[in-house]
């Protein structure tokens, strides 16, 4: 799920990326949580940025040990 999300993101197919990253995040994959949060922050694959939802995914990823997510929360 995470890898498919990254493949779609690299292809600039952001809506598909968000769909797959959401599945990965819901399954508990910290990297998917982090990358979904980045998409939500940057308005990639979503209609409008959702910073509060992104912060929630950053927080969950940080709680799972993702260092980049912790950095994004503190910065």
PDB file of N, CA and C in Angstrom:
ATOM      1  N   UNK A   1       0.826  -1.184   0.000  1.00  0.00           N
ATOM      2  CA  UNK A   1       0.000   0.000   0.000  1.00  0.00           C
ATOM      3  C   UNK A   1       0.876   1.255   0.000  1.00  0.00           C
ATOM      4  N   UNK A   2       1.838   1.272   0.916  1.00  0.00           N
ATOM      5  CA  UNK A   2       2.749   2.418   0.994  1.00  0.00           C
ATOM      6  C   UNK A   2       3.532   2.573  -0.304  1.00  0.00           C
ATOM      7  N   UNK A   3       4.086   1.469  -0.788  1.00  0.00           N
ATOM      8  CA  UNK A   3       4.909   1.536  -1.998  1.00  0.00           C
ATOM      9  C   UNK A   3       4.095   1.965  -3.214  1.00  0.00           C
ATOM     10  N   UNK A   4       2.855   1.494  -3.320  1.00  0.00           N
ATOM     11  CA  UNK A   4       1.999   1.944  -4.420  1.00  0.00           C
ATOM     12  C   UNK A   4       1.742   3.443  -4.306  1.00  0.00           C
ATOM     13  N   UNK A   5       1.520   3.913  -3.101  1.00  0.00           N
ATOM     14  CA  UNK A   5       1.328   5.344  -2.901  1.00  0.00           C
ATOM     15  C   UNK A   5       2.521   6.147  -3.361  1.00  0.00           C
ATOM     16  N   UNK A   6       3.720   5.671  -3.053  1.00  0.00           N
ATOM     17  CA  UNK A   6       4.940   6.364  -3.455  1.00  0.00           C
ATOM     18  C   UNK A   6       5.121   6.316  -4.974  1.00  0.00           C
ATOM     19  N   UNK A   7       4.811   5.187  -5.574  1.00  0.00           N
ATOM     20  CA  UNK A   7       4.904   5.079  -7.038  1.00  0.00           C
ATOM     21  C   UNK A   7       3.986   6.102  -7.692  1.00  0.00           C
ATOM     22  N   UNK A   8       2.739   6.172  -7.235  1.00  0.00           N
ATOM     23  CA  UNK A   8       1.807   7.142  -7.807  1.00  0.00           C
ATOM     24  C   UNK A   8       2.268   8.574  -7.535  1.00  0.00           C
ATOM     25  N   UNK A   9       2.801   8.825  -6.365  1.00  0.00           N
ATOM     26  CA  UNK A   9       3.285  10.162  -6.042  1.00  0.00           C
ATOM     27  C   UNK A   9       4.438  10.549  -6.964  1.00  0.00           C
ATOM     28  N   UNK A  10       5.355   9.635  -7.187  1.00  0.00           N
ATOM     29  CA  UNK A  10       6.479   9.909  -8.085  1.00  0.00           C
ATOM     30  C   UNK A  10       6.025  10.166  -9.513  1.00  0.00           C
ATOM     31  N   UNK A  11       4.917   9.584  -9.887  1.00  0.00           N
ATOM     32  CA  UNK A  11       4.354   9.794 -11.226  1.00  0.00           C
ATOM     33  C   UNK A  11       3.497  11.058 -11.286  1.00  0.00           C
ATOM     34  N   UNK A  12       3.428  11.786 -10.190  1.00  0.00           N
ATOM     35  CA  UNK A  12       2.593  12.988 -10.085  1.00  0.00           C
ATOM     36  C   UNK A  12       1.098  12.664 -10.184  1.00  0.00           C
ATOM     37  N   UNK A  13       0.723  11.441  -9.851  1.00  0.00           N
ATOM     38  CA  UNK A  13      -0.685  11.026  -9.811  1.00  0.00           C
ATOM     39  C   UNK A  13      -1.116  11.079  -8.344  1.00  0.00           C
ATOM     40  N   UNK A  14      -1.254  12.299  -7.845  1.00  0.00           N
ATOM     41  CA  UNK A  14      -1.402  12.521  -6.417  1.00  0.00           C
ATOM     42  C   UNK A  14      -2.708  11.989  -5.827  1.00  0.00           C
ATOM     43  N   UNK A  15      -3.793  12.033  -6.584  1.00  0.00           N
ATOM     44  CA  UNK A  15      -5.046  11.499  -6.048  1.00  0.00           C
ATOM     45  C   UNK A  15      -4.937  10.009  -5.770  1.00  0.00           C
ATOM     46  N   UNK A  16      -4.331   9.277  -6.697  1.00  0.00           N
ATOM     47  CA  UNK A  16      -4.110   7.841  -6.488  1.00  0.00           C
ATOM     48  C   UNK A  16      -3.149   7.627  -5.320  1.00  0.00           C
ATOM     49  N   UNK A  17      -2.123   8.465  -5.239  1.00  0.00           N
ATOM     50  CA  UNK A  17      -1.155   8.345  -4.140  1.00  0.00           C
ATOM     51  C   UNK A  17      -1.857   8.496  -2.802  1.00  0.00           C
ATOM     52  N   UNK A  18      -2.710   9.495  -2.681  1.00  0.00           N
ATOM     53  CA  UNK A  18      -3.419   9.728  -1.422  1.00  0.00           C
ATOM     54  C   UNK A  18      -4.309   8.534  -1.075  1.00  0.00           C
ATOM     55  N   UNK A  19      -4.957   7.959  -2.066  1.00  0.00           N
ATOM     56  CA  UNK A  19      -5.805   6.787  -1.796  1.00  0.00           C
ATOM     57  C   UNK A  19      -4.989   5.645  -1.211  1.00  0.00           C
ATOM     58  N   UNK A  20      -3.839   5.351  -1.810  1.00  0.00           N
ATOM     59  CA  UNK A  20      -3.018   4.235  -1.333  1.00  0.00           C
ATOM     60  C   UNK A  20      -2.316   4.564  -0.025  1.00  0.00           C
ATOM     61  N   UNK A  21      -1.863   5.796   0.127  1.00  0.00           N
ATOM     62  CA  UNK A  21      -1.229   6.173   1.388  1.00  0.00           C
ATOM     63  C   UNK A  21      -2.231   6.143   2.532  1.00  0.00           C
ATOM     64  N   UNK A  22      -3.470   6.506   2.253  1.00  0.00           N
ATOM     65  CA  UNK A  22      -4.518   6.436   3.279  1.00  0.00           C
ATOM     66  C   UNK A  22      -4.734   4.994   3.717  1.00  0.00           C
ATOM     67  N   UNK A  23      -4.767   4.077   2.762  1.00  0.00           N
ATOM     68  CA  UNK A  23      -4.919   2.657   3.110  1.00  0.00           C
ATOM     69  C   UNK A  23      -3.747   2.189   3.968  1.00  0.00           C
ATOM     70  N   UNK A  24      -2.544   2.584   3.589  1.00  0.00           N
ATOM     71  CA  UNK A  24      -1.368   2.207   4.367  1.00  0.00           C
ATOM     72  C   UNK A  24      -1.371   2.831   5.748  1.00  0.00           C
ATOM     73  N   UNK A  25      -1.759   4.094   5.829  1.00  0.00           N
ATOM     74  CA  UNK A  25      -1.826   4.778   7.122  1.00  0.00           C
ATOM     75  C   UNK A  25      -2.872   4.121   8.022  1.00  0.00           C
ATOM     76  N   UNK A  26      -4.028   3.827   7.460  1.00  0.00           N
ATOM     77  CA  UNK A  26      -5.082   3.158   8.238  1.00  0.00           C
ATOM     78  C   UNK A  26      -4.639   1.776   8.719  1.00  0.00           C
ATOM     79  N   UNK A  27      -3.722   1.144   7.960  1.00  0.00           N
ATOM     80  CA  UNK A  27      -3.209  -0.173   8.347  1.00  0.00           C
ATOM     81  C   UNK A  27      -2.093  -0.075   9.384  1.00  0.00           C
ATOM     82  N   UNK A  28      -1.683   1.172   9.723  1.00  0.00           N
ATOM     83  CA  UNK A  28      -0.692   1.345  10.779  1.00  0.00           C
ATOM     84  C   UNK A  28       0.740   1.492  10.311  1.00  0.00           C
ATOM     85  N   UNK A  29       0.962   1.816   9.043  1.00  0.00           N
ATOM     86  CA  UNK A  29       2.317   1.963   8.513  1.00  0.00           C
ATOM     87  C   UNK A  29       2.810   3.398   8.723  1.00  0.00           C
ATOM     88  N   UNK A  30       3.808   3.606   9.583  1.00  0.00           N
ATOM     89  CA  UNK A  30       4.268   4.962   9.891  1.00  0.00           C
ATOM     90  C   UNK A  30       4.728   5.757   8.673  1.00  0.00           C
ATOM     91  N   UNK A  31       5.410   5.120   7.727  1.00  0.00           N
ATOM     92  CA  UNK A  31       5.855   5.847   6.533  1.00  0.00           C
ATOM     93  C   UNK A  31       4.665   6.333   5.717  1.00  0.00           C
ATOM     94  N   UNK A  32       3.619   5.521   5.644  1.00  0.00           N
ATOM     95  CA  UNK A  32       2.411   5.938   4.937  1.00  0.00           C
ATOM     96  C   UNK A  32       1.733   7.089   5.671  1.00  0.00           C
ATOM     97  N   UNK A  33       1.703   7.020   6.997  1.00  0.00           N
ATOM     98  CA  UNK A  33       1.127   8.112   7.789  1.00  0.00           C
ATOM     99  C   UNK A  33       1.852   9.419   7.507  1.00  0.00           C
ATOM    100  N   UNK A  34       3.181   9.365   7.522  1.00  0.00           N
ATOM    101  CA  UNK A  34       3.994  10.551   7.285  1.00  0.00           C
ATOM    102  C   UNK A  34       3.755  11.114   5.884  1.00  0.00           C
ATOM    103  N   UNK A  35       3.828  10.261   4.874  1.00  0.00           N
ATOM    104  CA  UNK A  35       3.667  10.741   3.501  1.00  0.00           C
ATOM    105  C   UNK A  35       2.254  11.229   3.223  1.00  0.00           C
ATOM    106  N   UNK A  36       1.265  10.630   3.837  1.00  0.00           N
ATOM    107  CA  UNK A  36      -0.099  11.130   3.717  1.00  0.00           C
ATOM    108  C   UNK A  36      -0.183  12.525   4.320  1.00  0.00           C
ATOM    109  N   UNK A  37       0.429  12.723   5.471  1.00  0.00           N
ATOM    110  CA  UNK A  37       0.426  14.041   6.112  1.00  0.00           C
ATOM    111  C   UNK A  37       1.093  15.082   5.217  1.00  0.00           C
ATOM    112  N   UNK A  38       2.182  14.702   4.559  1.00  0.00           N
ATOM    113  CA  UNK A  38       2.858  15.624   3.642  1.00  0.00           C
ATOM    114  C   UNK A  38       1.916  16.017   2.510  1.00  0.00           C
ATOM    115  N   UNK A  39       1.214  15.056   1.948  1.00  0.00           N
ATOM    116  CA  UNK A  39       0.254  15.350   0.877  1.00  0.00           C
ATOM    117  C   UNK A  39      -0.843  16.288   1.367  1.00  0.00           C
ATOM    118  N   UNK A  40      -1.353  16.021   2.555  1.00  0.00           N
ATOM    119  CA  UNK A  40      -2.413  16.861   3.106  1.00  0.00           C
ATOM    120  C   UNK A  40      -1.920  18.283   3.361  1.00  0.00           C
ATOM    121  N   UNK A  41      -0.690  18.422   3.817  1.00  0.00           N
ATOM    122  CA  UNK A  41      -0.100  19.747   4.043  1.00  0.00           C
ATOM    123  C   UNK A  41       0.125  20.499   2.735  1.00  0.00           C
ATOM    124  N   UNK A  42       0.578  19.778   1.717  1.00  0.00           N
ATOM    125  CA  UNK A  42       0.971  20.405   0.456  1.00  0.00           C
ATOM    126  C   UNK A  42      -0.170  20.501  -0.550  1.00  0.00           C
ATOM    127  N   UNK A  43      -1.337  20.000  -0.179  1.00  0.00           N
ATOM    128  CA  UNK A  43      -2.500  19.967  -1.071  1.00  0.00           C
ATOM    129  C   UNK A  43      -2.192  19.183  -2.351  1.00  0.00           C
ATOM    130  N   UNK A  44      -1.583  18.046  -2.181  1.00  0.00           N
ATOM    131  CA  UNK A  44      -1.319  17.161  -3.316  1.00  0.00           C
ATOM    132  C   UNK A  44      -2.311  16.008  -3.249  1.00  0.00           C
ATOM    133  N   UNK A  45      -3.179  15.939  -4.241  1.00  0.00           N
ATOM    134  CA  UNK A  45      -4.143  14.854  -4.299  1.00  0.00           C
ATOM    135  C   UNK A  45      -5.387  15.079  -3.468  1.00  0.00           C
ATOM    136  N   UNK A  46      -5.507  16.268  -2.897  1.00  0.00           N
ATOM    137  CA  UNK A  46      -6.695  16.625  -2.111  1.00  0.00           C
ATOM    138  C   UNK A  46      -7.186  17.985  -2.592  1.00  0.00           C
ATOM    139  N   UNK A  47      -8.465  18.269  -2.349  1.00  0.00           N
ATOM    140  CA  UNK A  47      -9.064  19.506  -2.849  1.00  0.00           C
ATOM    141  C   UNK A  47      -8.477  20.750  -2.183  1.00  0.00           C
ATOM    142  N   UNK A  48      -8.171  20.633  -0.907  1.00  0.00           N
ATOM    143  CA  UNK A  48      -7.630  21.767  -0.154  1.00  0.00           C
ATOM    144  C   UNK A  48      -6.710  21.233   0.927  1.00  0.00           C
ATOM    145  N   UNK A  49      -5.717  22.014   1.332  1.00  0.00           N
ATOM    146  CA  UNK A  49      -4.854  21.542   2.420  1.00  0.00           C
ATOM    147  C   UNK A  49      -5.671  21.352   3.691  1.00  0.00           C
ATOM    148  N   UNK A  50      -5.294  20.354   4.456  1.00  0.00           N
ATOM    149  CA  UNK A  50      -5.969  20.091   5.729  1.00  0.00           C
ATOM    150  C   UNK A  50      -4.882  19.931   6.777  1.00  0.00           C
ATOM    151  N   UNK A  51      -4.467  21.057   7.341  1.00  0.00           N
ATOM    152  CA  UNK A  51      -3.339  21.055   8.258  1.00  0.00           C
ATOM    153  C   UNK A  51      -3.644  20.340   9.574  1.00  0.00           C
ATOM    154  N   UNK A  52      -4.880  20.414  10.028  1.00  0.00           N
ATOM    155  CA  UNK A  52      -5.194  19.721  11.288  1.00  0.00           C
ATOM    156  C   UNK A  52      -5.190  18.211  11.092  1.00  0.00           C
ATOM    157  N   UNK A  53      -5.719  17.737   9.978  1.00  0.00           N
ATOM    158  CA  UNK A  53      -5.675  16.301   9.698  1.00  0.00           C
ATOM    159  C   UNK A  53      -4.235  15.856   9.485  1.00  0.00           C
ATOM    160  N   UNK A  54      -3.450  16.675   8.775  1.00  0.00           N
ATOM    161  CA  UNK A  54      -2.033  16.362   8.568  1.00  0.00           C
ATOM    162  C   UNK A  54      -1.318  16.251   9.911  1.00  0.00           C
ATOM    163  N   UNK A  55      -1.584  17.187  10.819  1.00  0.00           N
ATOM    164  CA  UNK A  55      -0.938  17.157  12.139  1.00  0.00           C
ATOM    165  C   UNK A  55      -1.274  15.871  12.881  1.00  0.00           C
ATOM    166  N   UNK A  56      -2.508  15.413  12.749  1.00  0.00           N
ATOM    167  CA  UNK A  56      -2.901  14.152  13.385  1.00  0.00           C
ATOM    168  C   UNK A  56      -2.111  12.973  12.840  1.00  0.00           C
ATOM    169  N   UNK A  57      -1.914  12.941  11.518  1.00  0.00           N
ATOM    170  CA  UNK A  57      -1.132  11.853  10.916  1.00  0.00           C
ATOM    171  C   UNK A  57       0.336  11.971  11.275  1.00  0.00           C
ATOM    172  N   UNK A  58       0.865  13.211  11.314  1.00  0.00           N
ATOM    173  CA  UNK A  58       2.254  13.388  11.767  1.00  0.00           C
ATOM    174  C   UNK A  58       2.409  12.863  13.192  1.00  0.00           C
ATOM    175  N   UNK A  59       1.444  13.191  14.043  1.00  0.00           N
ATOM    176  CA  UNK A  59       1.495  12.764  15.447  1.00  0.00           C
ATOM    177  C   UNK A  59       1.474  11.245  15.556  1.00  0.00           C
ATOM    178  N   UNK A  60       0.577  10.615  14.809  1.00  0.00           N
ATOM    179  CA  UNK A  60       0.498   9.140  14.851  1.00  0.00           C
ATOM    180  C   UNK A  60       1.787   8.508  14.347  1.00  0.00           C
ATOM    181  N   UNK A  61       2.340   9.059  13.264  1.00  0.00           N
ATOM    182  CA  UNK A  61       3.597   8.526  12.730  1.00  0.00           C
ATOM    183  C   UNK A  61       4.732   8.729  13.732  1.00  0.00           C
ATOM    184  N   UNK A  62       4.767   9.890  14.372  1.00  0.00           N
ATOM    185  CA  UNK A  62       5.809  10.158  15.385  1.00  0.00           C
ATOM    186  C   UNK A  62       5.680   9.188  16.548  1.00  0.00           C
ATOM    187  N   UNK A  63       4.456   8.917  16.964  1.00  0.00           N
ATOM    188  CA  UNK A  63       4.227   7.965  18.058  1.00  0.00           C
ATOM    189  C   UNK A  63       4.677   6.558  17.695  1.00  0.00           C
ATOM    190  N   UNK A  64       4.715   6.279  16.396  1.00  0.00           N
ATOM    191  CA  UNK A  64       5.182   4.976  15.913  1.00  0.00           C
ATOM    192  C   UNK A  64       6.680   4.982  15.638  1.00  0.00           C
ATOM    193  N   UNK A  65       7.355   6.101  15.944  1.00  0.00           N
ATOM    194  CA  UNK A  65       8.807   6.148  15.814  1.00  0.00           C
ATOM    195  C   UNK A  65       9.341   6.785  14.548  1.00  0.00           C
ATOM    196  N   UNK A  66       8.502   7.398  13.747  1.00  0.00           N
ATOM    197  CA  UNK A  66       8.975   8.035  12.515  1.00  0.00           C
ATOM    198  C   UNK A  66       9.611   9.378  12.869  1.00  0.00           C
ATOM    199  N   UNK A  67      10.943   9.478  12.702  1.00  0.00           N
ATOM    200  CA  UNK A  67      11.684  10.670  13.078  1.00  0.00           C
ATOM    201  C   UNK A  67      11.303  11.920  12.304  1.00  0.00           C
ATOM    202  N   UNK A  68      11.069  11.774  11.009  1.00  0.00           N
ATOM    203  CA  UNK A  68      10.685  12.925  10.201  1.00  0.00           C
ATOM    204  C   UNK A  68       9.369  13.516  10.636  1.00  0.00           C
ATOM    205  N   UNK A  69       8.456  12.674  11.062  1.00  0.00           N
ATOM    206  CA  UNK A  69       7.161  13.164  11.537  1.00  0.00           C
ATOM    207  C   UNK A  69       7.346  13.982  12.811  1.00  0.00           C
ATOM    208  N   UNK A  70       8.209  13.497  13.698  1.00  0.00           N
ATOM    209  CA  UNK A  70       8.482  14.223  14.933  1.00  0.00           C
ATOM    210  C   UNK A  70       9.089  15.583  14.608  1.00  0.00           C
ATOM    211  N   UNK A  71       9.974  15.636  13.626  1.00  0.00           N
ATOM    212  CA  UNK A  71      10.583  16.895  13.211  1.00  0.00           C
ATOM    213  C   UNK A  71       9.529  17.864  12.683  1.00  0.00           C
ATOM    214  N   UNK A  72       8.592  17.365  11.878  1.00  0.00           N
ATOM    215  CA  UNK A  72       7.550  18.226  11.326  1.00  0.00           C
ATOM    216  C   UNK A  72       6.626  18.778  12.395  1.00  0.00           C
ATOM    217  N   UNK A  73       6.410  18.000  13.445  1.00  0.00           N
ATOM    218  CA  UNK A  73       5.568  18.487  14.548  1.00  0.00           C
ATOM    219  C   UNK A  73       6.253  19.571  15.346  1.00  0.00           C
ATOM    220  N   UNK A  74       7.557  19.471  15.489  1.00  0.00           N
ATOM    221  CA  UNK A  74       8.270  20.434  16.324  1.00  0.00           C
ATOM    222  C   UNK A  74       8.676  21.684  15.554  1.00  0.00           C
ATOM    223  N   UNK A  75       8.655  21.620  14.216  1.00  0.00           N
ATOM    224  CA  UNK A  75       9.149  22.746  13.429  1.00  0.00           C
ATOM    225  C   UNK A  75       8.147  23.591  12.832  1.00  0.00           C
TER     226      UNK A  75
END
